[in-house]
């Protein structure tokens, strides 16, 4: 499926959070499959983010690197370009009914819209 890097980045984080919940066995299975498929793409995007932090950031006394206010617009512009990149991801979808009837925050499934079959 064709997705933007931003969709993959958000979906991976949402699936990780959702996978921490007690779920039916089938739901847990499909979410773990999704995580395994999305993880390499997420890592590539996150590596790019870290490179941009190094590029635009300032090394702090503790050795960490932070993007300061003056460099934030350039960092955000570069990172938005990364997130807008279209990529092909071979990722399974999951049927909504497999996720069960538990409670979940309303916005938690928004990044997973393309991965859930109603």
N, C-alpha and C. Protein backbone atom coordinates (compact mmCIF):
# COMPACT_ATOMS: atom_id res chain seq x y z
N UNK A 1 0.84 -1.17 0.00
CA UNK A 1 0.00 0.00 0.00
C UNK A 1 0.88 1.23 0.00
N UNK A 2 0.45 2.26 -0.74
CA UNK A 2 1.20 3.52 -0.80
C UNK A 2 0.77 4.39 0.39
N UNK A 3 1.77 4.86 1.13
CA UNK A 3 1.54 5.72 2.28
C UNK A 3 2.59 6.81 2.29
N UNK A 4 2.33 7.85 3.04
CA UNK A 4 3.39 8.82 3.26
C UNK A 4 4.22 8.35 4.45
N UNK A 5 5.43 8.82 4.51
CA UNK A 5 6.28 8.48 5.66
C UNK A 5 5.63 8.95 6.96
N UNK A 6 4.93 10.07 6.90
CA UNK A 6 4.23 10.58 8.09
C UNK A 6 3.15 9.63 8.56
N UNK A 7 2.41 9.04 7.64
CA UNK A 7 1.38 8.07 8.01
C UNK A 7 2.00 6.85 8.67
N UNK A 8 3.11 6.40 8.11
CA UNK A 8 3.81 5.24 8.69
C UNK A 8 4.33 5.58 10.08
N UNK A 9 4.93 6.76 10.22
CA UNK A 9 5.52 7.19 11.49
C UNK A 9 4.45 7.22 12.59
N UNK A 10 3.31 7.84 12.30
CA UNK A 10 2.22 7.92 13.29
C UNK A 10 1.58 6.57 13.54
N UNK A 11 1.38 5.79 12.49
CA UNK A 11 0.74 4.49 12.65
C UNK A 11 1.58 3.56 13.51
N UNK A 12 2.89 3.55 13.30
CA UNK A 12 3.77 2.69 14.08
C UNK A 12 3.65 3.01 15.57
N UNK A 13 3.66 4.30 15.89
CA UNK A 13 3.56 4.70 17.30
C UNK A 13 2.19 4.33 17.88
N UNK A 14 1.13 4.46 17.09
CA UNK A 14 -0.21 4.08 17.56
C UNK A 14 -0.34 2.59 17.77
N UNK A 15 0.21 1.81 16.83
CA UNK A 15 0.14 0.35 16.97
C UNK A 15 0.93 -0.10 18.21
N UNK A 16 2.07 0.54 18.46
CA UNK A 16 2.84 0.20 19.66
C UNK A 16 2.01 0.43 20.92
N UNK A 17 1.32 1.56 20.98
CA UNK A 17 0.49 1.86 22.15
C UNK A 17 -0.68 0.89 22.25
N UNK A 18 -1.33 0.63 21.14
CA UNK A 18 -2.47 -0.27 21.12
C UNK A 18 -2.05 -1.69 21.50
N UNK A 19 -0.86 -2.10 21.10
CA UNK A 19 -0.37 -3.44 21.39
C UNK A 19 -0.11 -3.65 22.88
N UNK A 20 -0.03 -2.59 23.66
CA UNK A 20 0.17 -2.71 25.11
C UNK A 20 -1.12 -3.06 25.84
N UNK A 21 -2.26 -2.87 25.16
CA UNK A 21 -3.56 -3.16 25.76
C UNK A 21 -3.85 -4.65 25.72
N UNK A 22 -4.71 -5.08 26.62
CA UNK A 22 -5.17 -6.47 26.57
C UNK A 22 -6.15 -6.57 25.40
N UNK A 23 -5.81 -7.44 24.46
CA UNK A 23 -6.60 -7.59 23.25
C UNK A 23 -6.90 -9.05 22.99
N UNK A 24 -7.93 -9.32 22.21
CA UNK A 24 -8.16 -10.70 21.79
C UNK A 24 -6.93 -11.22 21.05
N UNK A 25 -6.74 -12.52 21.08
CA UNK A 25 -5.56 -13.15 20.50
C UNK A 25 -5.39 -12.78 19.03
N UNK A 26 -6.46 -12.82 18.25
CA UNK A 26 -6.36 -12.51 16.83
C UNK A 26 -5.93 -11.06 16.61
N UNK A 27 -6.45 -10.15 17.41
CA UNK A 27 -6.08 -8.74 17.29
C UNK A 27 -4.60 -8.56 17.62
N UNK A 28 -4.15 -9.18 18.68
CA UNK A 28 -2.74 -9.08 19.07
C UNK A 28 -1.85 -9.64 17.96
N UNK A 29 -2.26 -10.74 17.37
CA UNK A 29 -1.50 -11.34 16.27
C UNK A 29 -1.36 -10.36 15.11
N UNK A 30 -2.47 -9.77 14.67
CA UNK A 30 -2.44 -8.86 13.52
C UNK A 30 -1.68 -7.59 13.84
N UNK A 31 -1.82 -7.07 15.04
CA UNK A 31 -1.07 -5.87 15.41
C UNK A 31 0.43 -6.14 15.44
N UNK A 32 0.82 -7.31 15.91
CA UNK A 32 2.24 -7.66 15.89
C UNK A 32 2.76 -7.80 14.47
N UNK A 33 1.95 -8.35 13.57
CA UNK A 33 2.35 -8.43 12.16
C UNK A 33 2.53 -7.03 11.58
N UNK A 34 1.60 -6.13 11.93
CA UNK A 34 1.70 -4.76 11.45
C UNK A 34 2.98 -4.11 11.97
N UNK A 35 3.28 -4.30 13.24
CA UNK A 35 4.49 -3.72 13.82
C UNK A 35 5.73 -4.20 13.09
N UNK A 36 5.81 -5.50 12.83
CA UNK A 36 6.98 -6.05 12.14
C UNK A 36 7.14 -5.47 10.73
N UNK A 37 6.03 -5.21 10.06
CA UNK A 37 6.10 -4.66 8.71
C UNK A 37 6.43 -3.16 8.71
N UNK A 38 5.91 -2.44 9.71
CA UNK A 38 6.12 -1.00 9.77
C UNK A 38 7.46 -0.61 10.40
N UNK A 39 8.01 -1.49 11.24
CA UNK A 39 9.22 -1.15 11.99
C UNK A 39 10.41 -0.72 11.12
N UNK A 40 10.74 -1.43 10.04
CA UNK A 40 11.90 -0.98 9.25
C UNK A 40 11.70 0.42 8.66
N UNK A 41 10.48 0.71 8.20
CA UNK A 41 10.20 2.03 7.65
C UNK A 41 10.26 3.10 8.74
N UNK A 42 9.68 2.77 9.91
CA UNK A 42 9.72 3.71 11.04
C UNK A 42 11.16 4.02 11.42
N UNK A 43 11.99 2.99 11.47
CA UNK A 43 13.40 3.18 11.84
C UNK A 43 14.10 4.09 10.84
N UNK A 44 13.84 3.90 9.55
CA UNK A 44 14.45 4.74 8.52
C UNK A 44 14.02 6.20 8.70
N UNK A 45 12.74 6.42 8.94
CA UNK A 45 12.23 7.78 9.14
C UNK A 45 12.83 8.38 10.39
N UNK A 46 12.88 7.61 11.46
CA UNK A 46 13.43 8.11 12.73
C UNK A 46 14.93 8.41 12.59
N UNK A 47 15.64 7.59 11.82
CA UNK A 47 17.07 7.86 11.56
C UNK A 47 17.22 9.19 10.82
N UNK A 48 16.34 9.44 9.85
CA UNK A 48 16.38 10.72 9.12
C UNK A 48 16.10 11.88 10.07
N UNK A 49 15.14 11.69 10.96
CA UNK A 49 14.82 12.72 11.96
C UNK A 49 16.03 13.02 12.83
N UNK A 50 16.70 11.97 13.27
CA UNK A 50 17.89 12.16 14.11
C UNK A 50 19.01 12.87 13.36
N UNK A 51 19.17 12.57 12.07
CA UNK A 51 20.18 13.26 11.26
C UNK A 51 19.84 14.75 11.14
N UNK A 52 18.56 15.04 10.99
CA UNK A 52 18.14 16.44 10.90
C UNK A 52 18.34 17.17 12.23
N UNK A 53 18.15 16.46 13.33
CA UNK A 53 18.42 17.06 14.65
C UNK A 53 19.90 17.41 14.75
N UNK A 54 20.76 16.50 14.28
CA UNK A 54 22.20 16.79 14.30
C UNK A 54 22.53 17.98 13.40
N UNK A 55 21.90 18.03 12.24
CA UNK A 55 22.16 19.09 11.27
C UNK A 55 21.73 20.47 11.81
N UNK A 56 20.55 20.51 12.41
CA UNK A 56 19.98 21.79 12.83
C UNK A 56 20.17 22.08 14.32
N UNK A 57 20.65 21.09 15.05
CA UNK A 57 20.71 21.22 16.50
C UNK A 57 22.00 21.79 17.03
N UNK A 58 21.97 22.00 18.32
CA UNK A 58 23.12 22.51 19.06
C UNK A 58 23.44 21.51 20.14
N UNK A 59 24.72 21.17 20.29
CA UNK A 59 25.13 20.23 21.32
C UNK A 59 25.05 20.92 22.69
N UNK A 60 24.41 20.25 23.62
CA UNK A 60 24.23 20.77 24.97
C UNK A 60 25.39 20.32 25.86
N UNK A 61 25.47 20.89 27.06
CA UNK A 61 26.54 20.54 28.01
C UNK A 61 26.55 19.06 28.36
N UNK A 62 25.36 18.43 28.36
CA UNK A 62 25.29 17.02 28.72
C UNK A 62 25.58 16.09 27.54
N UNK A 63 25.91 16.67 26.39
CA UNK A 63 26.24 15.88 25.21
C UNK A 63 25.07 15.63 24.28
N UNK A 64 23.87 15.94 24.72
CA UNK A 64 22.70 15.75 23.85
C UNK A 64 22.65 16.88 22.83
N UNK A 65 21.87 16.67 21.80
CA UNK A 65 21.69 17.69 20.77
C UNK A 65 20.23 18.11 20.76
N UNK A 66 20.00 19.43 20.77
CA UNK A 66 18.64 19.96 20.74
C UNK A 66 18.52 20.97 19.62
N UNK A 67 17.35 20.98 19.01
CA UNK A 67 17.04 21.99 18.01
C UNK A 67 16.46 23.18 18.77
N UNK A 68 17.16 24.29 18.70
CA UNK A 68 16.75 25.48 19.42
C UNK A 68 15.75 26.28 18.58
N UNK A 69 15.08 27.23 19.23
CA UNK A 69 14.02 28.00 18.58
C UNK A 69 14.42 28.59 17.24
N UNK A 70 15.60 29.16 17.13
CA UNK A 70 16.03 29.78 15.88
C UNK A 70 16.17 28.79 14.73
N UNK A 71 16.50 27.54 15.04
CA UNK A 71 16.69 26.52 14.02
C UNK A 71 15.45 25.66 13.80
N UNK A 72 14.46 25.84 14.65
CA UNK A 72 13.26 25.00 14.59
C UNK A 72 12.53 25.08 13.24
N UNK A 73 12.32 26.27 12.67
CA UNK A 73 11.61 26.31 11.38
C UNK A 73 12.33 25.54 10.27
N UNK A 74 13.64 25.63 10.20
CA UNK A 74 14.39 24.89 9.17
C UNK A 74 14.30 23.39 9.42
N UNK A 75 14.42 22.99 10.69
CA UNK A 75 14.30 21.57 11.04
C UNK A 75 12.91 21.06 10.63
N UNK A 76 11.86 21.80 11.03
CA UNK A 76 10.50 21.36 10.75
C UNK A 76 10.25 21.29 9.24
N UNK A 77 10.78 22.23 8.49
CA UNK A 77 10.62 22.21 7.04
C UNK A 77 11.27 20.97 6.44
N UNK A 78 12.48 20.67 6.87
CA UNK A 78 13.18 19.48 6.37
C UNK A 78 12.47 18.20 6.78
N UNK A 79 12.01 18.14 8.03
CA UNK A 79 11.35 16.93 8.51
C UNK A 79 9.99 16.76 7.83
N UNK A 80 9.28 17.84 7.58
CA UNK A 80 8.01 17.74 6.87
C UNK A 80 8.22 17.18 5.46
N UNK A 81 9.35 17.54 4.85
CA UNK A 81 9.66 16.98 3.53
C UNK A 81 9.85 15.46 3.61
N UNK A 82 10.51 15.02 4.66
CA UNK A 82 10.68 13.57 4.88
C UNK A 82 9.32 12.93 5.07
N UNK A 83 8.48 13.50 5.93
CA UNK A 83 7.17 12.92 6.26
C UNK A 83 6.23 12.90 5.06
N UNK A 84 6.42 13.80 4.11
CA UNK A 84 5.56 13.86 2.93
C UNK A 84 5.96 12.85 1.85
N UNK A 85 7.10 12.23 1.99
CA UNK A 85 7.59 11.28 1.00
C UNK A 85 6.65 10.07 0.93
N UNK A 86 6.28 9.70 -0.29
CA UNK A 86 5.45 8.50 -0.47
C UNK A 86 6.32 7.27 -0.51
N UNK A 87 5.89 6.25 0.20
CA UNK A 87 6.61 4.98 0.23
C UNK A 87 5.62 3.84 0.06
N UNK A 88 6.12 2.73 -0.39
CA UNK A 88 5.31 1.52 -0.55
C UNK A 88 5.57 0.62 0.65
N UNK A 89 4.50 0.23 1.34
CA UNK A 89 4.63 -0.61 2.53
C UNK A 89 3.76 -1.84 2.36
N UNK A 90 4.36 -3.00 2.54
CA UNK A 90 3.62 -4.25 2.47
C UNK A 90 3.14 -4.57 3.88
N UNK A 91 1.99 -4.01 4.24
CA UNK A 91 1.51 -4.13 5.62
C UNK A 91 0.08 -4.67 5.62
N UNK A 92 -0.21 -5.63 6.48
CA UNK A 92 -1.57 -6.16 6.53
C UNK A 92 -2.53 -5.16 7.17
N UNK A 93 -3.80 -5.32 6.86
CA UNK A 93 -4.84 -4.56 7.54
C UNK A 93 -5.49 -5.49 8.56
N UNK A 94 -6.23 -4.90 9.49
CA UNK A 94 -6.90 -5.70 10.51
C UNK A 94 -8.38 -5.31 10.51
N UNK A 95 -9.23 -6.29 10.69
CA UNK A 95 -10.67 -6.03 10.75
C UNK A 95 -11.02 -5.44 12.11
N UNK A 96 -11.86 -4.42 12.07
CA UNK A 96 -12.23 -3.70 13.29
C UNK A 96 -12.79 -4.62 14.36
N UNK A 97 -13.59 -5.57 13.96
CA UNK A 97 -14.21 -6.46 14.96
C UNK A 97 -13.18 -7.32 15.70
N UNK A 98 -12.01 -7.55 15.10
CA UNK A 98 -10.97 -8.32 15.77
C UNK A 98 -10.37 -7.56 16.96
N UNK A 99 -10.49 -6.24 16.95
CA UNK A 99 -9.91 -5.45 18.03
C UNK A 99 -10.73 -5.52 19.31
N UNK A 100 -11.91 -6.12 19.26
CA UNK A 100 -12.70 -6.30 20.46
C UNK A 100 -13.51 -5.06 20.80
N UNK A 101 -14.17 -5.14 21.94
CA UNK A 101 -15.07 -4.07 22.37
C UNK A 101 -14.54 -3.31 23.57
N UNK A 102 -13.25 -3.36 23.81
CA UNK A 102 -12.66 -2.65 24.94
C UNK A 102 -12.72 -1.14 24.73
N UNK A 103 -12.28 -0.41 25.72
CA UNK A 103 -12.29 1.04 25.64
C UNK A 103 -10.94 1.55 25.15
N UNK A 104 -11.01 2.60 24.35
CA UNK A 104 -9.79 3.20 23.83
C UNK A 104 -10.08 4.68 23.60
N UNK A 105 -9.07 5.50 23.75
CA UNK A 105 -9.23 6.93 23.53
C UNK A 105 -9.68 7.19 22.10
N UNK A 106 -10.57 8.13 21.91
CA UNK A 106 -11.17 8.41 20.62
C UNK A 106 -10.19 8.61 19.49
N UNK A 107 -9.13 9.36 19.71
CA UNK A 107 -8.19 9.66 18.64
C UNK A 107 -7.13 8.61 18.42
N UNK A 108 -7.10 7.58 19.24
CA UNK A 108 -6.02 6.59 19.17
C UNK A 108 -6.00 5.83 17.84
N UNK A 109 -7.15 5.68 17.22
CA UNK A 109 -7.22 4.90 15.99
C UNK A 109 -7.10 5.77 14.73
N UNK A 110 -7.09 7.08 14.88
CA UNK A 110 -7.02 7.97 13.71
C UNK A 110 -5.81 7.66 12.84
N UNK A 111 -4.60 7.52 13.40
CA UNK A 111 -3.45 7.22 12.53
C UNK A 111 -3.51 5.84 11.89
N UNK A 112 -4.44 5.01 12.35
CA UNK A 112 -4.53 3.64 11.83
C UNK A 112 -5.66 3.47 10.82
N UNK A 113 -6.27 4.57 10.42
CA UNK A 113 -7.44 4.53 9.54
C UNK A 113 -7.21 3.66 8.30
N UNK A 114 -6.07 3.77 7.67
CA UNK A 114 -5.79 3.01 6.44
C UNK A 114 -5.46 1.55 6.71
N UNK A 115 -5.28 1.20 7.97
CA UNK A 115 -4.89 -0.16 8.33
C UNK A 115 -6.04 -0.98 8.91
N UNK A 116 -7.19 -0.33 9.13
CA UNK A 116 -8.32 -1.01 9.77
C UNK A 116 -9.47 -1.10 8.76
N UNK A 117 -9.98 -2.32 8.62
CA UNK A 117 -11.13 -2.54 7.77
C UNK A 117 -12.38 -2.46 8.63
N UNK A 118 -13.32 -1.60 8.25
CA UNK A 118 -14.56 -1.42 9.04
C UNK A 118 -15.49 -2.60 8.88
